[in-house]
Each structure stands twice: as C-alpha cells, then as structure tokens.
Amino acid sequence: MDDQTRTELEAAAFRKLRAHLMDKRPDVQNIDLMNLAGFCRNCLSRWYQEAAHEKGLEMSRDEAREICYGMPYAEWKSRHQTDAEAEKQAAFEAAFTANVGKDG
C-alpha cells in the first residue's frame, strides 16, 4: 500500500471514530473512556492540535476541540457530560497521569 492510500484510510478511520463518539455515542463519558481505554475525546482533540502544529499550522486547544466535538466544548459538556462519582474521578486521575502525564 502506498503512503497516500494509507493516509487516506487512516483519515477515514479517524472520521468514523469521531462520528461514532460524537453522533452515535455521546452518552459515553470522557471519564469512562479515559478509565477504560487511556484516552478520551479531549485526547483526540489534543492529538489533532499537535498534528496541526507539526505541519506548522496554528491551532488553539478550543479550535481543535470544536473540530473534534463538532461544536464548542462548553456546549458539548452542557448537553452530554454528567457528574462523576468520586471513585471514577480517582480512577481518572490515575489513568490520566499514566496515559497523558501530570502536565497533560
């Protein structure tokens, strides 16, 4: 497989993942994703922003989040995010530190 085709397939898979998380499963909480998989929607937006920076493109965290969430982050949170109990929050802190780092 040539590099262009691989890149196109990877981009298509990313778009499917994004659509699945945003459109089909907005009920799945970021905290649950991080606790179970070691990444969440915010990680996807951070990776998107980092890729833009690697290409020399300026992109803020908020701009990357809006691309990945399909709306401003605050709006997504108000529509979909629920409060998490202390046990989930503690597990999140451990998962975040292990997968993203303390300064994330």
C-alpha atoms as a PDB file:
ATOM      1  CA  MET A   1       0.000   0.000   0.000  1.00  0.00           C
ATOM      2  CA  ASP A   2       1.348   3.425  -0.896  1.00  0.00           C
ATOM      3  CA  ASP A   3       1.670   6.223   1.668  1.00  0.00           C
ATOM      4  CA  GLN A   4      -1.133   8.349   0.182  1.00  0.00           C
ATOM      5  CA  THR A   5      -3.634   5.481   0.354  1.00  0.00           C
ATOM      6  CA  ARG A   6      -2.573   4.635   3.904  1.00  0.00           C
ATOM      7  CA  THR A   7      -3.008   8.277   4.944  1.00  0.00           C
ATOM      8  CA  GLU A   8      -6.456   8.408   3.334  1.00  0.00           C
ATOM      9  CA  LEU A   9      -7.536   5.210   5.095  1.00  0.00           C
ATOM     10  CA  GLU A  10      -6.219   6.462   8.442  1.00  0.00           C
ATOM     11  CA  ALA A  11      -8.088   9.746   7.967  1.00  0.00           C
ATOM     12  CA  ALA A  12     -11.288   7.879   7.107  1.00  0.00           C
ATOM     13  CA  ALA A  13     -10.920   5.700  10.215  1.00  0.00           C
ATOM     14  CA  PHE A  14     -10.407   8.821  12.364  1.00  0.00           C
ATOM     15  CA  ARG A  15     -13.536  10.432  10.892  1.00  0.00           C
ATOM     16  CA  LYS A  16     -15.528   7.269  11.652  1.00  0.00           C
ATOM     17  CA  LEU A  17     -14.221   7.163  15.234  1.00  0.00           C
ATOM     18  CA  ARG A  18     -15.043  10.835  15.723  1.00  0.00           C
ATOM     19  CA  ALA A  19     -18.548  10.426  14.282  1.00  0.00           C
ATOM     20  CA  HIS A  20     -19.163   7.360  16.394  1.00  0.00           C
ATOM     21  CA  LEU A  21     -18.146   9.110  19.625  1.00  0.00           C
ATOM     22  CA  MET A  22     -19.888  12.392  18.830  1.00  0.00           C
ATOM     23  CA  ASP A  23     -23.017  11.329  16.985  1.00  0.00           C
ATOM     24  CA  LYS A  24     -23.784   7.747  17.927  1.00  0.00           C
ATOM     25  CA  ARG A  25     -22.398   7.551  21.476  1.00  0.00           C
ATOM     26  CA  PRO A  26     -22.389  10.983  23.115  1.00  0.00           C
ATOM     27  CA  ASP A  27     -23.669   9.149  26.203  1.00  0.00           C
ATOM     28  CA  VAL A  28     -20.249   7.557  26.718  1.00  0.00           C
ATOM     29  CA  GLN A  29     -18.489   9.860  29.135  1.00  0.00           C
ATOM     30  CA  ASN A  30     -14.912  11.034  28.624  1.00  0.00           C
ATOM     31  CA  ILE A  31     -14.065   9.867  32.126  1.00  0.00           C
ATOM     32  CA  ASP A  32     -15.190   6.337  31.234  1.00  0.00           C
ATOM     33  CA  LEU A  33     -13.168   6.369  28.011  1.00  0.00           C
ATOM     34  CA  MET A  34     -10.055   7.501  29.867  1.00  0.00           C
ATOM     35  CA  ASN A  35     -10.544   4.993  32.660  1.00  0.00           C
ATOM     36  CA  LEU A  36     -11.093   2.077  30.285  1.00  0.00           C
ATOM     37  CA  ALA A  37      -9.025   2.954  27.228  1.00  0.00           C
ATOM     38  CA  GLY A  38      -6.481   5.517  28.367  1.00  0.00           C
ATOM     39  CA  PHE A  39      -7.755   8.234  26.008  1.00  0.00           C
ATOM     40  CA  CYS A  40     -10.852  10.374  25.576  1.00  0.00           C
ATOM     41  CA  ARG A  41     -12.319  12.947  23.215  1.00  0.00           C
ATOM     42  CA  ASN A  42     -10.034  15.606  24.684  1.00  0.00           C
ATOM     43  CA  CYS A  43      -7.046  13.413  23.825  1.00  0.00           C
ATOM     44  CA  LEU A  44      -8.279  13.174  20.231  1.00  0.00           C
ATOM     45  CA  SER A  45      -8.539  16.951  20.031  1.00  0.00           C
ATOM     46  CA  ARG A  46      -5.071  17.362  21.591  1.00  0.00           C
ATOM     47  CA  TRP A  47      -3.603  14.912  19.064  1.00  0.00           C
ATOM     48  CA  TYR A  48      -5.348  16.847  16.280  1.00  0.00           C
ATOM     49  CA  GLN A  49      -3.868  20.112  17.566  1.00  0.00           C
ATOM     50  CA  GLU A  50      -0.404  18.544  17.862  1.00  0.00           C
ATOM     51  CA  ALA A  51      -0.629  17.273  14.271  1.00  0.00           C
ATOM     52  CA  ALA A  52      -1.569  20.774  13.097  1.00  0.00           C
ATOM     53  CA  HIS A  53       1.404  22.241  14.961  1.00  0.00           C
ATOM     54  CA  GLU A  54       3.706  19.624  13.406  1.00  0.00           C
ATOM     55  CA  LYS A  55       2.553  20.887   9.997  1.00  0.00           C
ATOM     56  CA  GLY A  56       3.280  24.480  11.017  1.00  0.00           C
ATOM     57  CA  LEU A  57      -0.392  25.384  11.443  1.00  0.00           C
ATOM     58  CA  GLU A  58      -1.561  27.467  14.376  1.00  0.00           C
ATOM     59  CA  MET A  59      -4.499  25.914  16.189  1.00  0.00           C
ATOM     60  CA  SER A  60      -5.742  26.605  19.676  1.00  0.00           C
ATOM     61  CA  ARG A  61      -6.996  23.952  22.065  1.00  0.00           C
ATOM     62  CA  ASP A  62     -10.507  25.360  21.700  1.00  0.00           C
ATOM     63  CA  GLU A  63     -10.324  25.230  17.899  1.00  0.00           C
ATOM     64  CA  ALA A  64      -9.157  21.612  17.972  1.00  0.00           C
ATOM     65  CA  ARG A  65     -11.873  20.676  20.453  1.00  0.00           C
ATOM     66  CA  GLU A  66     -14.559  22.270  18.303  1.00  0.00           C
ATOM     67  CA  ILE A  67     -13.348  20.273  15.305  1.00  0.00           C
ATOM     68  CA  CYS A  68     -13.348  17.017  17.273  1.00  0.00           C
ATOM     69  CA  TYR A  69     -16.569  17.664  19.223  1.00  0.00           C
ATOM     70  CA  GLY A  70     -18.465  19.171  16.295  1.00  0.00           C
ATOM     71  CA  MET A  71     -19.436  22.118  18.499  1.00  0.00           C
ATOM     72  CA  PRO A  72     -17.823  24.307  21.149  1.00  0.00           C
ATOM     73  CA  TYR A  73     -16.585  22.194  24.054  1.00  0.00           C
ATOM     74  CA  ALA A  74     -18.700  24.077  26.622  1.00  0.00           C
ATOM     75  CA  GLU A  75     -21.815  23.337  24.587  1.00  0.00           C
ATOM     76  CA  TRP A  76     -20.959  19.629  24.327  1.00  0.00           C
ATOM     77  CA  LYS A  77     -20.346  19.478  28.086  1.00  0.00           C
ATOM     78  CA  SER A  78     -23.678  21.117  28.874  1.00  0.00           C
ATOM     79  CA  ARG A  79     -25.526  18.743  26.539  1.00  0.00           C
ATOM     80  CA  HIS A  80     -23.785  15.460  27.324  1.00  0.00           C
ATOM     81  CA  GLN A  81     -21.453  15.469  30.328  1.00  0.00           C
ATOM     82  CA  THR A  82     -22.733  14.117  33.616  1.00  0.00           C
ATOM     83  CA  ASP A  83     -21.253  14.324  37.087  1.00  0.00           C
ATOM     84  CA  ALA A  84     -18.893  11.519  38.022  1.00  0.00           C
ATOM     85  CA  GLU A  85     -18.700   9.923  41.429  1.00  0.00           C
ATOM     86  CA  ALA A  86     -15.523  10.138  43.488  1.00  0.00           C
ATOM     87  CA  GLU A  87     -14.410   6.589  42.595  1.00  0.00           C
ATOM     88  CA  LYS A  88     -14.478   7.380  38.854  1.00  0.00           C
ATOM     89  CA  GLN A  89     -12.698  10.674  39.433  1.00  0.00           C
ATOM     90  CA  ALA A  90      -9.903   8.935  41.355  1.00  0.00           C
ATOM     91  CA  ALA A  91      -9.561   6.303  38.619  1.00  0.00           C
ATOM     92  CA  PHE A  92      -9.465   9.105  36.053  1.00  0.00           C
ATOM     93  CA  GLU A  93      -6.633  10.884  37.844  1.00  0.00           C
ATOM     94  CA  ALA A  94      -4.587   7.670  37.792  1.00  0.00           C
ATOM     95  CA  ALA A  95      -5.423   6.919  34.139  1.00  0.00           C
ATOM     96  CA  PHE A  96      -4.714  10.496  33.076  1.00  0.00           C
ATOM     97  CA  THR A  97      -1.334  10.534  34.792  1.00  0.00           C
ATOM     98  CA  ALA A  98      -0.416   7.131  33.328  1.00  0.00           C
ATOM     99  CA  ASN A  99      -1.531   7.921  29.780  1.00  0.00           C
ATOM    100  CA  VAL A 100      -1.171  11.655  29.380  1.00  0.00           C
ATOM    101  CA  GLY A 101       1.180  12.722  32.141  1.00  0.00           C
ATOM    102  CA  LYS A 102       0.902  15.036  35.082  1.00  0.00           C
ATOM    103  CA  ASP A 103       1.121  18.183  32.959  1.00  0.00           C
ATOM    104  CA  GLY A 104      -1.152  16.824  30.197  1.00  0.00           C
END
